[in-house]
């Protein structure tokens, strides 16, 4: 089954915490929801910071509109 693709807007204190919790609890979320959750893209002004925190398979951009207009993203979480 197709995973739930998530986009994050902001990865500061709250955003990085949210990212960590979603990653750490992926198996439990999949068990409860019946689908995997995948953080696909992160928008953050500080690109270097976002790259340090994100997995290599996560797209990092400085443009929030790239996240919200992406047709592959099912859920956008705004943490700005």
C-alpha atoms as a PDB file:
ATOM      1  CA  UNK A   1       0.000   0.000   0.000  1.00  0.00           C
ATOM      2  CA  UNK A   2       1.186   3.530  -0.786  1.00  0.00           C
ATOM      3  CA  UNK A   3       2.732   5.339   2.197  1.00  0.00           C
ATOM      4  CA  UNK A   4       1.327   8.561   3.592  1.00  0.00           C
ATOM      5  CA  UNK A   5       3.731  11.179   2.216  1.00  0.00           C
ATOM      6  CA  UNK A   6       4.368  14.072   4.594  1.00  0.00           C
ATOM      7  CA  UNK A   7       5.864  17.503   4.002  1.00  0.00           C
ATOM      8  CA  UNK A   8       7.191  19.607   6.875  1.00  0.00           C
ATOM      9  CA  UNK A   9       7.291  23.386   6.869  1.00  0.00           C
ATOM     10  CA  UNK A  10      10.001  24.340   9.338  1.00  0.00           C
ATOM     11  CA  UNK A  11      12.456  22.174  11.211  1.00  0.00           C
ATOM     12  CA  UNK A  12      13.399  24.363  14.154  1.00  0.00           C
ATOM     13  CA  UNK A  13      12.832  23.244  17.729  1.00  0.00           C
ATOM     14  CA  UNK A  14       9.247  22.029  17.250  1.00  0.00           C
ATOM     15  CA  UNK A  15       9.819  20.832  13.682  1.00  0.00           C
ATOM     16  CA  UNK A  16      12.875  18.765  14.538  1.00  0.00           C
ATOM     17  CA  UNK A  17      11.004  17.260  17.494  1.00  0.00           C
ATOM     18  CA  UNK A  18       8.078  16.373  15.257  1.00  0.00           C
ATOM     19  CA  UNK A  19      10.437  14.886  12.668  1.00  0.00           C
ATOM     20  CA  UNK A  20      12.155  12.774  15.348  1.00  0.00           C
ATOM     21  CA  UNK A  21       8.882  11.537  16.843  1.00  0.00           C
ATOM     22  CA  UNK A  22       7.453  10.596  13.437  1.00  0.00           C
ATOM     23  CA  UNK A  23      10.648   8.748  12.473  1.00  0.00           C
ATOM     24  CA  UNK A  24      10.986   6.984  15.827  1.00  0.00           C
ATOM     25  CA  UNK A  25       7.342   5.845  15.832  1.00  0.00           C
ATOM     26  CA  UNK A  26       7.035   4.832  12.169  1.00  0.00           C
ATOM     27  CA  UNK A  27       6.301   1.193  12.955  1.00  0.00           C
ATOM     28  CA  UNK A  28       3.623   2.002  15.541  1.00  0.00           C
ATOM     29  CA  UNK A  29       1.983   4.556  13.232  1.00  0.00           C
ATOM     30  CA  UNK A  30       1.942   2.007  10.396  1.00  0.00           C
ATOM     31  CA  UNK A  31       0.424  -0.596  12.700  1.00  0.00           C
ATOM     32  CA  UNK A  32      -2.352   1.732  13.843  1.00  0.00           C
ATOM     33  CA  UNK A  33      -3.076   3.423  10.519  1.00  0.00           C
ATOM     34  CA  UNK A  34      -2.408   0.494   8.220  1.00  0.00           C
ATOM     35  CA  UNK A  35       0.004   2.503   6.056  1.00  0.00           C
ATOM     36  CA  UNK A  36       3.598   3.609   6.405  1.00  0.00           C
ATOM     37  CA  UNK A  37       4.376   7.271   6.931  1.00  0.00           C
ATOM     38  CA  UNK A  38       7.213   8.868   4.969  1.00  0.00           C
ATOM     39  CA  UNK A  39       8.594  12.367   5.450  1.00  0.00           C
ATOM     40  CA  UNK A  40       9.396  13.239   1.843  1.00  0.00           C
ATOM     41  CA  UNK A  41      10.177  16.956   1.845  1.00  0.00           C
ATOM     42  CA  UNK A  42      11.137  19.669   4.326  1.00  0.00           C
ATOM     43  CA  UNK A  43      11.018  23.420   3.765  1.00  0.00           C
ATOM     44  CA  UNK A  44      13.450  25.401   5.901  1.00  0.00           C
ATOM     45  CA  UNK A  45      15.260  28.709   5.376  1.00  0.00           C
ATOM     46  CA  UNK A  46      18.411  27.241   6.913  1.00  0.00           C
ATOM     47  CA  UNK A  47      19.103  24.547   4.310  1.00  0.00           C
ATOM     48  CA  UNK A  48      22.279  23.303   5.998  1.00  0.00           C
ATOM     49  CA  UNK A  49      20.472  22.754   9.306  1.00  0.00           C
ATOM     50  CA  UNK A  50      17.707  20.819   7.562  1.00  0.00           C
ATOM     51  CA  UNK A  51      20.246  18.625   5.741  1.00  0.00           C
ATOM     52  CA  UNK A  52      21.958  17.801   9.049  1.00  0.00           C
ATOM     53  CA  UNK A  53      18.687  16.642  10.592  1.00  0.00           C
ATOM     54  CA  UNK A  54      16.993  14.941   7.628  1.00  0.00           C
ATOM     55  CA  UNK A  55      17.617  11.537   6.099  1.00  0.00           C
ATOM     56  CA  UNK A  56      19.356  11.370   2.743  1.00  0.00           C
ATOM     57  CA  UNK A  57      16.122  10.373   1.006  1.00  0.00           C
ATOM     58  CA  UNK A  58      14.266  13.497   2.233  1.00  0.00           C
ATOM     59  CA  UNK A  59      14.176  16.487  -0.107  1.00  0.00           C
ATOM     60  CA  UNK A  60      15.168  19.789   1.505  1.00  0.00           C
ATOM     61  CA  UNK A  61      14.122  23.128   0.059  1.00  0.00           C
ATOM     62  CA  UNK A  62      13.952  26.762   1.128  1.00  0.00           C
ATOM     63  CA  UNK A  63      10.659  27.221  -0.757  1.00  0.00           C
ATOM     64  CA  UNK A  64       7.546  26.360   1.288  1.00  0.00           C
ATOM     65  CA  UNK A  65       5.415  26.550  -1.860  1.00  0.00           C
ATOM     66  CA  UNK A  66       7.394  23.623  -3.262  1.00  0.00           C
ATOM     67  CA  UNK A  67       6.018  21.550  -0.387  1.00  0.00           C
ATOM     68  CA  UNK A  68       2.391  22.694  -0.452  1.00  0.00           C
ATOM     69  CA  UNK A  69       2.107  22.468  -4.240  1.00  0.00           C
ATOM     70  CA  UNK A  70       3.706  19.015  -4.511  1.00  0.00           C
ATOM     71  CA  UNK A  71       0.994  16.598  -5.727  1.00  0.00           C
ATOM     72  CA  UNK A  72       2.764  13.638  -4.115  1.00  0.00           C
ATOM     73  CA  UNK A  73       2.425  15.059  -0.595  1.00  0.00           C
ATOM     74  CA  UNK A  74      -0.652  13.848   1.298  1.00  0.00           C
ATOM     75  CA  UNK A  75      -0.192  15.846   4.528  1.00  0.00           C
ATOM     76  CA  UNK A  76       1.586  19.156   5.135  1.00  0.00           C
ATOM     77  CA  UNK A  77       2.577  19.939   8.705  1.00  0.00           C
ATOM     78  CA  UNK A  78       3.230  23.664   9.280  1.00  0.00           C
ATOM     79  CA  UNK A  79       5.708  24.245  12.095  1.00  0.00           C
ATOM     80  CA  UNK A  80       6.899  27.753  11.343  1.00  0.00           C
END
